[in-house]
Amino acid sequence: MTPRNVDDTFAALARERGPALTGYAYLLTGDLAAAEDLVQDALLKVFVRTRTGFRPDVAEAYVRRTVLTLYVDGYRRRRHLGALRHLLARDAAHEGPDTSAPDRLDLRAALATLAPQERACVVLRFYEDLTVPEIAERMGLAPGTVKRYLSNAVRRLEAVLGPLPSRRPDAERLPDLLTVDTDDTTRSGS
């Protein structure tokens, strides 16, 4: 693959799928700036090494996987540093992102109650529409662990959002709520 093809693939992916990638990262982070940074870091990480036959549709899968990996790794790093933070400085108050849609505010609050692994499983299941085995493979977990994370997450989401329909909550309530508003336009995952 020539450098020109890599540049073309990078440009096409950023132009055509950038907003969807940012929306995906936003669901994980709950913060637009952090989501944009995460996508930018993932793009750089994926495109540092050239690969033969690296088309935008193939590259997107690598970038999505890298976004998830960077998010989980960042959480682990922050958790480790959090245990030492009291030695360095006091925590400042954190404010949540601004929003105008009550459902999105509710979803943000609900997602914020989840542990990072649970949140990642929820995003992959309900936003990416992956099966439990696909989530397990992508996250490097056993399917039973993914089921436990999803079960715990649904219980916590219901505590904030109210009862989810008992049959296939992924097909009824969550997709309507998982509309990501990253700027003045609204995008939804499918």
N, C-alpha and C. Protein backbone atom coordinates (compact mmCIF):
# COMPACT_ATOMS: atom_id res chain seq x y z
N MET A 1 0.86 -1.18 0.00
CA MET A 1 0.00 0.00 0.00
C MET A 1 0.89 1.23 0.00
N THR A 2 0.59 2.14 -0.84
CA THR A 2 1.41 3.34 -0.94
C THR A 2 0.94 4.36 0.08
N PRO A 3 1.83 5.30 0.45
CA PRO A 3 1.41 6.33 1.41
C PRO A 3 0.18 7.10 0.94
N ARG A 4 0.07 7.30 -0.36
CA ARG A 4 -1.08 8.03 -0.89
C ARG A 4 -2.38 7.28 -0.58
N ASN A 5 -2.40 5.95 -0.74
CA ASN A 5 -3.60 5.15 -0.45
C ASN A 5 -3.95 5.20 1.03
N VAL A 6 -2.94 5.20 1.89
CA VAL A 6 -3.19 5.30 3.32
C VAL A 6 -3.82 6.65 3.64
N ASP A 7 -3.27 7.70 3.05
CA ASP A 7 -3.84 9.04 3.26
C ASP A 7 -5.27 9.12 2.77
N ASP A 8 -5.54 8.51 1.60
CA ASP A 8 -6.90 8.51 1.06
C ASP A 8 -7.86 7.74 1.96
N THR A 9 -7.41 6.59 2.45
CA THR A 9 -8.24 5.79 3.34
C THR A 9 -8.53 6.56 4.64
N PHE A 10 -7.50 7.16 5.21
CA PHE A 10 -7.65 7.94 6.43
C PHE A 10 -8.64 9.08 6.21
N ALA A 11 -8.45 9.83 5.12
CA ALA A 11 -9.33 10.97 4.82
C ALA A 11 -10.77 10.51 4.60
N ALA A 12 -10.95 9.42 3.86
CA ALA A 12 -12.30 8.92 3.60
C ALA A 12 -12.98 8.47 4.89
N LEU A 13 -12.24 7.77 5.72
CA LEU A 13 -12.81 7.30 6.99
C LEU A 13 -13.18 8.48 7.88
N ALA A 14 -12.28 9.43 8.02
CA ALA A 14 -12.55 10.59 8.87
C ALA A 14 -13.74 11.40 8.34
N ARG A 15 -13.82 11.56 7.03
CA ARG A 15 -14.89 12.35 6.42
C ARG A 15 -16.23 11.63 6.49
N GLU A 16 -16.25 10.36 6.09
CA GLU A 16 -17.51 9.63 5.96
C GLU A 16 -18.01 9.02 7.26
N ARG A 17 -17.12 8.58 8.13
CA ARG A 17 -17.54 7.86 9.31
C ARG A 17 -17.14 8.56 10.62
N GLY A 18 -16.47 9.69 10.50
CA GLY A 18 -16.04 10.43 11.68
C GLY A 18 -17.16 10.72 12.66
N PRO A 19 -18.29 11.26 12.20
CA PRO A 19 -19.38 11.53 13.14
C PRO A 19 -19.92 10.27 13.83
N ALA A 20 -20.00 9.16 13.10
CA ALA A 20 -20.48 7.91 13.72
C ALA A 20 -19.47 7.39 14.73
N LEU A 21 -18.19 7.50 14.40
CA LEU A 21 -17.15 7.08 15.34
C LEU A 21 -17.17 7.94 16.60
N THR A 22 -17.36 9.24 16.42
CA THR A 22 -17.44 10.14 17.57
C THR A 22 -18.67 9.83 18.42
N GLY A 23 -19.79 9.53 17.77
CA GLY A 23 -21.00 9.15 18.50
C GLY A 23 -20.79 7.89 19.32
N TYR A 24 -20.11 6.93 18.74
CA TYR A 24 -19.79 5.68 19.44
C TYR A 24 -18.92 5.97 20.66
N ALA A 25 -17.88 6.76 20.48
CA ALA A 25 -16.98 7.11 21.58
C ALA A 25 -17.72 7.93 22.64
N TYR A 26 -18.64 8.77 22.20
CA TYR A 26 -19.41 9.60 23.13
C TYR A 26 -20.26 8.74 24.07
N LEU A 27 -20.84 7.69 23.51
CA LEU A 27 -21.63 6.80 24.36
C LEU A 27 -20.77 6.14 25.42
N LEU A 28 -19.52 5.89 25.11
CA LEU A 28 -18.62 5.31 26.10
C LEU A 28 -18.19 6.34 27.14
N THR A 29 -17.81 7.53 26.69
CA THR A 29 -17.23 8.52 27.59
C THR A 29 -18.25 9.42 28.27
N GLY A 30 -19.35 9.73 27.56
CA GLY A 30 -20.33 10.67 28.10
C GLY A 30 -19.88 12.11 27.99
N ASP A 31 -18.80 12.37 27.27
CA ASP A 31 -18.25 13.71 27.13
C ASP A 31 -17.78 13.89 25.70
N LEU A 32 -18.29 14.94 25.02
CA LEU A 32 -17.97 15.14 23.60
C LEU A 32 -16.48 15.37 23.37
N ALA A 33 -15.86 16.21 24.17
CA ALA A 33 -14.43 16.47 23.99
C ALA A 33 -13.60 15.21 24.19
N ALA A 34 -13.95 14.44 25.21
CA ALA A 34 -13.23 13.19 25.46
C ALA A 34 -13.47 12.20 24.31
N ALA A 35 -14.68 12.18 23.78
CA ALA A 35 -15.00 11.29 22.65
C ALA A 35 -14.19 11.67 21.42
N GLU A 36 -14.12 12.97 21.14
CA GLU A 36 -13.33 13.42 19.99
C GLU A 36 -11.86 13.08 20.17
N ASP A 37 -11.34 13.26 21.37
CA ASP A 37 -9.95 12.90 21.65
C ASP A 37 -9.73 11.40 21.49
N LEU A 38 -10.67 10.63 21.97
CA LEU A 38 -10.56 9.17 21.88
C LEU A 38 -10.53 8.72 20.42
N VAL A 39 -11.41 9.28 19.60
CA VAL A 39 -11.44 8.92 18.18
C VAL A 39 -10.14 9.35 17.50
N GLN A 40 -9.68 10.54 17.81
CA GLN A 40 -8.44 11.03 17.21
C GLN A 40 -7.26 10.12 17.61
N ASP A 41 -7.18 9.75 18.87
CA ASP A 41 -6.12 8.85 19.32
C ASP A 41 -6.22 7.49 18.62
N ALA A 42 -7.45 6.99 18.48
CA ALA A 42 -7.64 5.69 17.83
C ALA A 42 -7.25 5.76 16.35
N LEU A 43 -7.64 6.84 15.67
CA LEU A 43 -7.27 6.99 14.27
C LEU A 43 -5.75 7.01 14.11
N LEU A 44 -5.10 7.77 14.96
CA LEU A 44 -3.64 7.83 14.88
C LEU A 44 -3.01 6.47 15.15
N LYS A 45 -3.51 5.80 16.16
CA LYS A 45 -2.95 4.49 16.51
C LYS A 45 -3.13 3.48 15.37
N VAL A 46 -4.29 3.49 14.74
CA VAL A 46 -4.57 2.55 13.66
C VAL A 46 -3.76 2.88 12.40
N PHE A 47 -3.62 4.15 12.11
CA PHE A 47 -2.98 4.53 10.85
C PHE A 47 -1.48 4.76 10.96
N VAL A 48 -0.88 4.52 12.12
CA VAL A 48 0.58 4.65 12.25
C VAL A 48 1.27 3.61 11.37
N ARG A 49 0.72 2.40 11.38
CA ARG A 49 1.28 1.33 10.56
C ARG A 49 0.43 1.16 9.32
N THR A 50 1.05 1.11 8.17
CA THR A 50 0.30 0.90 6.94
C THR A 50 0.01 -0.59 6.80
N ARG A 51 -1.14 -0.88 6.24
CA ARG A 51 -1.55 -2.26 6.00
C ARG A 51 -2.00 -2.38 4.55
N THR A 52 -1.74 -3.50 3.95
CA THR A 52 -2.19 -3.70 2.58
C THR A 52 -3.69 -3.97 2.58
N GLY A 53 -4.36 -3.47 1.57
CA GLY A 53 -5.79 -3.69 1.44
C GLY A 53 -6.62 -3.04 2.52
N PHE A 54 -6.17 -1.95 3.05
CA PHE A 54 -6.83 -1.28 4.17
C PHE A 54 -7.86 -0.29 3.62
N ARG A 55 -9.08 -0.77 3.40
CA ARG A 55 -10.17 0.06 2.88
C ARG A 55 -10.87 0.76 4.05
N PRO A 56 -11.59 1.85 3.78
CA PRO A 56 -12.29 2.55 4.87
C PRO A 56 -13.23 1.67 5.68
N ASP A 57 -13.95 0.74 5.03
CA ASP A 57 -14.87 -0.11 5.78
C ASP A 57 -14.12 -1.07 6.70
N VAL A 58 -12.96 -1.55 6.27
CA VAL A 58 -12.13 -2.42 7.11
C VAL A 58 -11.47 -1.58 8.22
N ALA A 59 -11.00 -0.40 7.84
CA ALA A 59 -10.33 0.48 8.80
C ALA A 59 -11.27 0.88 9.93
N GLU A 60 -12.56 1.08 9.61
CA GLU A 60 -13.51 1.49 10.66
C GLU A 60 -13.61 0.45 11.76
N ALA A 61 -13.61 -0.81 11.41
CA ALA A 61 -13.67 -1.87 12.43
C ALA A 61 -12.45 -1.80 13.34
N TYR A 62 -11.28 -1.57 12.76
CA TYR A 62 -10.07 -1.44 13.57
C TYR A 62 -10.16 -0.22 14.48
N VAL A 63 -10.67 0.88 13.96
CA VAL A 63 -10.77 2.10 14.75
C VAL A 63 -11.77 1.92 15.89
N ARG A 64 -12.91 1.30 15.63
CA ARG A 64 -13.90 1.06 16.69
C ARG A 64 -13.31 0.18 17.79
N ARG A 65 -12.61 -0.85 17.41
CA ARG A 65 -11.98 -1.73 18.40
C ARG A 65 -10.94 -0.95 19.21
N THR A 66 -10.19 -0.09 18.53
CA THR A 66 -9.16 0.70 19.20
C THR A 66 -9.79 1.72 20.14
N VAL A 67 -10.91 2.32 19.74
CA VAL A 67 -11.63 3.25 20.61
C VAL A 67 -12.02 2.54 21.90
N LEU A 68 -12.59 1.35 21.78
CA LEU A 68 -13.01 0.59 22.96
C LEU A 68 -11.80 0.25 23.83
N THR A 69 -10.74 -0.22 23.22
CA THR A 69 -9.54 -0.59 23.98
C THR A 69 -8.95 0.61 24.70
N LEU A 70 -8.85 1.74 24.00
CA LEU A 70 -8.31 2.95 24.63
C LEU A 70 -9.19 3.42 25.77
N TYR A 71 -10.52 3.31 25.61
CA TYR A 71 -11.45 3.71 26.67
C TYR A 71 -11.25 2.85 27.91
N VAL A 72 -11.23 1.53 27.73
CA VAL A 72 -11.07 0.62 28.87
C VAL A 72 -9.69 0.81 29.50
N ASP A 73 -8.65 0.92 28.68
CA ASP A 73 -7.30 1.14 29.22
C ASP A 73 -7.22 2.46 30.00
N GLY A 74 -7.86 3.50 29.47
CA GLY A 74 -7.86 4.79 30.16
C GLY A 74 -8.56 4.70 31.50
N TYR A 75 -9.66 3.95 31.55
CA TYR A 75 -10.35 3.77 32.82
C TYR A 75 -9.45 3.07 33.84
N ARG A 76 -8.79 2.02 33.39
CA ARG A 76 -7.90 1.29 34.30
C ARG A 76 -6.80 2.20 34.83
N ARG A 77 -6.25 3.02 33.95
CA ARG A 77 -5.19 3.94 34.34
C ARG A 77 -5.71 4.96 35.35
N ARG A 78 -6.89 5.53 35.06
CA ARG A 78 -7.49 6.52 35.97
C ARG A 78 -7.83 5.90 37.32
N ARG A 79 -8.31 4.65 37.30
CA ARG A 79 -8.65 3.97 38.54
C ARG A 79 -7.40 3.76 39.39
N HIS A 80 -6.32 3.37 38.74
CA HIS A 80 -5.07 3.18 39.46
C HIS A 80 -4.56 4.51 40.02
N LEU A 81 -4.61 5.55 39.21
CA LEU A 81 -4.17 6.87 39.67
C LEU A 81 -5.12 7.42 40.73
N GLY A 82 -6.40 7.08 40.62
CA GLY A 82 -7.36 7.53 41.62
C GLY A 82 -7.04 7.04 43.01
N ALA A 83 -6.47 5.87 43.09
CA ALA A 83 -6.08 5.32 44.39
C ALA A 83 -4.93 6.12 45.01
N LEU A 84 -4.17 6.80 44.15
CA LEU A 84 -3.03 7.59 44.63
C LEU A 84 -3.32 9.09 44.66
N ARG A 85 -4.46 9.49 44.11
CA ARG A 85 -4.77 10.91 43.96
C ARG A 85 -4.74 11.67 45.29
N HIS A 86 -5.21 11.05 46.35
CA HIS A 86 -5.24 11.73 47.64
C HIS A 86 -3.84 12.16 48.07
N LEU A 87 -2.83 11.51 47.53
CA LEU A 87 -1.45 11.90 47.85
C LEU A 87 -1.01 13.14 47.08
N LEU A 88 -1.70 13.42 45.96
CA LEU A 88 -1.28 14.50 45.07
C LEU A 88 -2.08 15.78 45.27
N ALA A 89 -3.40 15.69 45.20
CA ALA A 89 -4.23 16.89 45.29
C ALA A 89 -5.66 16.49 45.57
N ARG A 90 -6.47 17.45 45.94
CA ARG A 90 -7.89 17.20 46.14
C ARG A 90 -8.61 17.20 44.80
N ASP A 91 -9.68 16.38 44.72
CA ASP A 91 -10.48 16.32 43.50
C ASP A 91 -11.29 17.60 43.35
N ALA A 92 -11.39 18.07 42.11
CA ALA A 92 -12.27 19.19 41.80
C ALA A 92 -13.64 18.63 41.46
N ALA A 93 -14.65 19.44 41.64
CA ALA A 93 -16.00 19.00 41.28
C ALA A 93 -16.09 18.84 39.77
N HIS A 94 -16.81 17.81 39.34
CA HIS A 94 -16.98 17.55 37.92
C HIS A 94 -18.41 17.86 37.53
N GLU A 95 -18.57 18.58 36.46
CA GLU A 95 -19.90 18.87 35.96
C GLU A 95 -20.18 17.99 34.76
N GLY A 96 -21.43 17.61 34.59
CA GLY A 96 -21.81 16.79 33.46
C GLY A 96 -21.99 17.62 32.21
N PRO A 97 -22.09 16.96 31.05
CA PRO A 97 -22.27 17.68 29.80
C PRO A 97 -23.66 18.32 29.74
N ASP A 98 -23.74 19.45 29.06
CA ASP A 98 -25.03 20.12 28.89
C ASP A 98 -25.88 19.34 27.91
N THR A 99 -27.17 19.38 28.11
CA THR A 99 -28.09 18.70 27.19
C THR A 99 -29.43 19.40 27.25
N SER A 100 -30.19 19.24 26.19
CA SER A 100 -31.51 19.85 26.19
C SER A 100 -32.62 18.80 26.17
N ALA A 101 -32.33 17.59 25.81
CA ALA A 101 -33.34 16.55 25.73
C ALA A 101 -33.39 15.74 27.03
N PRO A 102 -34.55 15.73 27.70
CA PRO A 102 -34.65 15.01 28.97
C PRO A 102 -34.27 13.53 28.86
N ASP A 103 -34.67 12.86 27.79
CA ASP A 103 -34.32 11.45 27.66
C ASP A 103 -32.82 11.25 27.56
N ARG A 104 -32.15 12.13 26.82
CA ARG A 104 -30.70 12.01 26.71
C ARG A 104 -30.04 12.28 28.06
N LEU A 105 -30.59 13.24 28.79
CA LEU A 105 -30.05 13.53 30.12
C LEU A 105 -30.22 12.31 31.02
N ASP A 106 -31.40 11.69 30.95
CA ASP A 106 -31.64 10.48 31.73
C ASP A 106 -30.68 9.38 31.33
N LEU A 107 -30.47 9.19 30.04
CA LEU A 107 -29.57 8.14 29.58
C LEU A 107 -28.14 8.43 30.01
N ARG A 108 -27.71 9.69 29.91
CA ARG A 108 -26.37 10.04 30.37
C ARG A 108 -26.21 9.73 31.85
N ALA A 109 -27.20 10.09 32.63
CA ALA A 109 -27.13 9.82 34.07
C ALA A 109 -27.11 8.31 34.32
N ALA A 110 -27.93 7.59 33.56
CA ALA A 110 -27.98 6.14 33.73
C ALA A 110 -26.66 5.50 33.33
N LEU A 111 -26.10 5.90 32.20
CA LEU A 111 -24.81 5.34 31.76
C LEU A 111 -23.70 5.68 32.74
N ALA A 112 -23.79 6.83 33.36
CA ALA A 112 -22.76 7.25 34.32
C ALA A 112 -22.76 6.37 35.57
N THR A 113 -23.86 5.68 35.84
CA THR A 113 -23.91 4.81 37.01
C THR A 113 -23.23 3.47 36.76
N LEU A 114 -22.90 3.19 35.51
CA LEU A 114 -22.33 1.89 35.16
C LEU A 114 -20.81 1.88 35.29
N ALA A 115 -20.28 0.73 35.64
CA ALA A 115 -18.84 0.52 35.61
C ALA A 115 -18.40 0.53 34.14
N PRO A 116 -17.17 0.91 33.85
CA PRO A 116 -16.72 0.99 32.46
C PRO A 116 -16.94 -0.29 31.65
N GLN A 117 -16.70 -1.45 32.24
CA GLN A 117 -16.91 -2.70 31.50
C GLN A 117 -18.40 -2.89 31.19
N GLU A 118 -19.26 -2.55 32.15
CA GLU A 118 -20.71 -2.65 31.93
C GLU A 118 -21.14 -1.67 30.85
N ARG A 119 -20.63 -0.46 30.94
CA ARG A 119 -20.98 0.58 29.96
C ARG A 119 -20.55 0.15 28.57
N ALA A 120 -19.34 -0.39 28.45
CA ALA A 120 -18.85 -0.85 27.16
C ALA A 120 -19.75 -1.97 26.62
N CYS A 121 -20.14 -2.90 27.47
CA CYS A 121 -21.03 -3.99 27.04
C CYS A 121 -22.37 -3.45 26.56
N VAL A 122 -22.93 -2.50 27.29
CA VAL A 122 -24.21 -1.90 26.90
C VAL A 122 -24.10 -1.20 25.55
N VAL A 123 -23.05 -0.43 25.37
CA VAL A 123 -22.87 0.28 24.10
C VAL A 123 -22.71 -0.71 22.95
N LEU A 124 -21.91 -1.74 23.17
CA LEU A 124 -21.71 -2.73 22.11
C LEU A 124 -22.99 -3.51 21.83
N ARG A 125 -23.77 -3.81 22.86
CA ARG A 125 -25.00 -4.60 22.66
C ARG A 125 -26.11 -3.78 22.05
N PHE A 126 -26.38 -2.60 22.62
CA PHE A 126 -27.55 -1.84 22.21
C PHE A 126 -27.28 -0.79 21.15
N TYR A 127 -26.07 -0.31 21.05
CA TYR A 127 -25.74 0.70 20.04
C TYR A 127 -25.10 0.06 18.82
N GLU A 128 -24.19 -0.86 19.05
CA GLU A 128 -23.52 -1.56 17.95
C GLU A 128 -24.29 -2.79 17.51
N ASP A 129 -25.29 -3.22 18.30
CA ASP A 129 -26.14 -4.36 17.99
C ASP A 129 -25.34 -5.66 17.85
N LEU A 130 -24.35 -5.83 18.72
CA LEU A 130 -23.56 -7.05 18.71
C LEU A 130 -24.21 -8.10 19.61
N THR A 131 -23.95 -9.35 19.30
CA THR A 131 -24.44 -10.45 20.13
C THR A 131 -23.50 -10.62 21.32
N VAL A 132 -23.94 -11.39 22.31
CA VAL A 132 -23.10 -11.65 23.48
C VAL A 132 -21.77 -12.29 23.06
N PRO A 133 -21.77 -13.32 22.19
CA PRO A 133 -20.47 -13.88 21.78
C PRO A 133 -19.57 -12.87 21.06
N GLU A 134 -20.16 -11.99 20.26
CA GLU A 134 -19.36 -10.97 19.57
C GLU A 134 -18.76 -9.98 20.57
N ILE A 135 -19.55 -9.60 21.57
CA ILE A 135 -19.04 -8.70 22.61
C ILE A 135 -17.92 -9.38 23.38
N ALA A 136 -18.13 -10.64 23.72
CA ALA A 136 -17.12 -11.39 24.47
C ALA A 136 -15.81 -11.45 23.69
N GLU A 137 -15.91 -11.71 22.40
CA GLU A 137 -14.70 -11.78 21.57
C GLU A 137 -14.03 -10.41 21.48
N ARG A 138 -14.81 -9.38 21.25
CA ARG A 138 -14.25 -8.04 21.09
C ARG A 138 -13.58 -7.54 22.37
N MET A 139 -14.17 -7.88 23.51
CA MET A 139 -13.63 -7.39 24.78
C MET A 139 -12.67 -8.37 25.45
N GLY A 140 -12.54 -9.56 24.87
CA GLY A 140 -11.64 -10.55 25.46
C GLY A 140 -12.18 -11.12 26.76
N LEU A 141 -13.50 -11.30 26.83
CA LEU A 141 -14.15 -11.81 28.03
C LEU A 141 -14.88 -13.10 27.71
N ALA A 142 -15.23 -13.84 28.74
CA ALA A 142 -16.08 -15.02 28.57
C ALA A 142 -17.52 -14.56 28.33
N PRO A 143 -18.29 -15.29 27.53
CA PRO A 143 -19.70 -14.91 27.31
C PRO A 143 -20.49 -14.77 28.60
N GLY A 144 -20.22 -15.63 29.58
CA GLY A 144 -20.92 -15.53 30.86
C GLY A 144 -20.64 -14.22 31.58
N THR A 145 -19.41 -13.74 31.44
CA THR A 145 -19.04 -12.46 32.05
C THR A 145 -19.79 -11.32 31.38
N VAL A 146 -19.90 -11.39 30.05
CA VAL A 146 -20.65 -10.37 29.31
C VAL A 146 -22.10 -10.38 29.75
N LYS A 147 -22.69 -11.56 29.89
CA LYS A 147 -24.08 -11.66 30.33
C LYS A 147 -24.26 -11.05 31.72
N ARG A 148 -23.30 -11.31 32.59
CA ARG A 148 -23.38 -10.74 33.95
C ARG A 148 -23.29 -9.22 33.89
N TYR A 149 -22.34 -8.70 33.10
CA TYR A 149 -22.22 -7.25 32.96
C TYR A 149 -23.51 -6.65 32.40
N LEU A 150 -24.08 -7.29 31.38
CA LEU A 150 -25.32 -6.77 30.79
C LEU A 150 -26.48 -6.84 31.78
N SER A 151 -26.57 -7.92 32.53
CA SER A 151 -27.63 -8.06 33.53
C SER A 151 -27.50 -6.98 34.61
N ASN A 152 -26.30 -6.80 35.11
CA ASN A 152 -26.08 -5.77 36.13
C ASN A 152 -26.38 -4.39 35.55
N ALA A 153 -25.96 -4.15 34.31
CA ALA A 153 -26.16 -2.85 33.68
C ALA A 153 -27.64 -2.57 33.47
N VAL A 154 -28.39 -3.55 32.99
CA VAL A 154 -29.82 -3.34 32.77
C VAL A 154 -30.51 -3.02 34.09
N ARG A 155 -30.13 -3.72 35.15
CA ARG A 155 -30.72 -3.44 36.47
C ARG A 155 -30.43 -1.99 36.89
N ARG A 156 -29.20 -1.53 36.68
CA ARG A 156 -28.86 -0.15 37.05
C ARG A 156 -29.55 0.85 36.13
N LEU A 157 -29.64 0.54 34.85
CA LEU A 157 -30.33 1.44 33.91
C LEU A 157 -31.80 1.57 34.28
N GLU A 158 -32.41 0.46 34.66
CA GLU A 158 -33.81 0.50 35.06
C GLU A 158 -34.02 1.34 36.32
N ALA A 159 -33.05 1.37 37.19
CA ALA A 159 -33.16 2.18 38.40
C ALA A 159 -33.23 3.66 38.05
N VAL A 160 -32.60 4.06 36.95
CA VAL A 160 -32.60 5.46 36.56
C VAL A 160 -33.67 5.75 35.51
N LEU A 161 -33.84 4.87 34.54
CA LEU A 161 -34.74 5.11 33.42
C LEU A 161 -36.16 4.59 33.63
N GLY A 162 -36.33 3.75 34.64
CA GLY A 162 -37.61 3.10 34.83
C GLY A 162 -37.56 1.73 34.19
N PRO A 163 -38.61 0.94 34.39
CA PRO A 163 -38.60 -0.43 33.88
C PRO A 163 -38.47 -0.47 32.37
N LEU A 164 -37.58 -1.33 31.92
CA LEU A 164 -37.45 -1.59 30.49
C LEU A 164 -38.41 -2.71 30.15
N PRO A 165 -38.91 -2.76 28.93
CA PRO A 165 -39.80 -3.86 28.56
C PRO A 165 -39.13 -5.20 28.84
N SER A 166 -39.91 -6.17 29.30
CA SER A 166 -39.33 -7.45 29.69
C SER A 166 -38.84 -8.26 28.51
N ARG A 167 -39.45 -8.12 27.36
CA ARG A 167 -38.99 -8.84 26.17
C ARG A 167 -38.15 -7.92 25.31
N ARG A 168 -36.94 -8.33 25.07
CA ARG A 168 -36.02 -7.65 24.17
C ARG A 168 -35.95 -6.15 24.39
N PRO A 169 -35.41 -5.69 25.50
CA PRO A 169 -35.30 -4.26 25.75
C PRO A 169 -34.47 -3.57 24.68
N ASP A 170 -33.57 -4.29 24.05
CA ASP A 170 -32.73 -3.69 23.02
C ASP A 170 -33.55 -3.31 21.79
N ALA A 171 -34.67 -3.99 21.55
CA ALA A 171 -35.45 -3.72 20.36
C ALA A 171 -36.52 -2.67 20.60
N GLU A 172 -36.75 -2.29 21.84
CA GLU A 172 -37.86 -1.39 22.11
C GLU A 172 -37.45 -0.04 22.68
N ARG A 173 -36.81 0.02 23.82
CA ARG A 173 -36.59 1.31 24.49
C ARG A 173 -35.21 1.90 24.25
N LEU A 174 -34.16 1.13 24.40
CA LEU A 174 -32.82 1.69 24.37
C LEU A 174 -32.43 2.34 23.05
N PRO A 175 -32.74 1.76 21.86
CA PRO A 175 -32.30 2.44 20.64
C PRO A 175 -32.85 3.86 20.52
N ASP A 176 -34.08 4.08 20.99
CA ASP A 176 -34.63 5.44 20.94
C ASP A 176 -33.84 6.39 21.82
N LEU A 177 -33.32 5.88 22.92
CA LEU A 177 -32.57 6.72 23.84
C LEU A 177 -31.12 6.89 23.40
N LEU A 178 -30.61 5.93 22.62
CA LEU A 178 -29.21 5.97 22.22
C LEU A 178 -28.99 6.80 20.97
N THR A 179 -29.66 7.92 20.89
CA THR A 179 -29.43 8.87 19.83
C THR A 179 -28.39 9.84 20.36
N VAL A 180 -27.30 9.96 19.64
CA VAL A 180 -26.19 10.78 20.11
C VAL A 180 -26.27 12.16 19.49
N ASP A 181 -26.30 13.18 20.32
CA ASP A 181 -26.36 14.55 19.86
C ASP A 181 -24.98 15.16 20.09
N THR A 182 -24.09 15.08 19.05
CA THR A 182 -22.72 15.55 19.21
C THR A 182 -22.52 16.98 18.73
N ASP A 183 -23.47 17.50 18.00
CA ASP A 183 -23.45 18.92 17.62
C ASP A 183 -24.88 19.33 17.35
N ASP A 184 -25.11 20.19 16.38
CA ASP A 184 -26.47 20.63 16.12
C ASP A 184 -27.30 19.60 15.37
N THR A 185 -26.69 18.55 14.84
CA THR A 185 -27.43 17.52 14.15
C THR A 185 -27.56 16.31 15.05
N THR A 186 -28.59 15.53 14.83
CA THR A 186 -28.82 14.33 15.62
C THR A 186 -28.50 13.12 14.79
N ARG A 187 -27.73 12.21 15.38
CA ARG A 187 -27.38 10.97 14.72
C ARG A 187 -27.88 9.83 15.58
N SER A 188 -28.22 8.74 14.96
CA SER A 188 -28.60 7.57 15.74
C SER A 188 -27.82 6.37 15.27
N GLY A 189 -27.54 5.49 16.21
CA GLY A 189 -26.81 4.26 15.89
C GLY A 189 -27.76 3.23 15.37
N SER A 190 -27.25 2.32 14.53
CA SER A 190 -28.08 1.25 14.03
C SER A 190 -27.38 -0.05 14.14
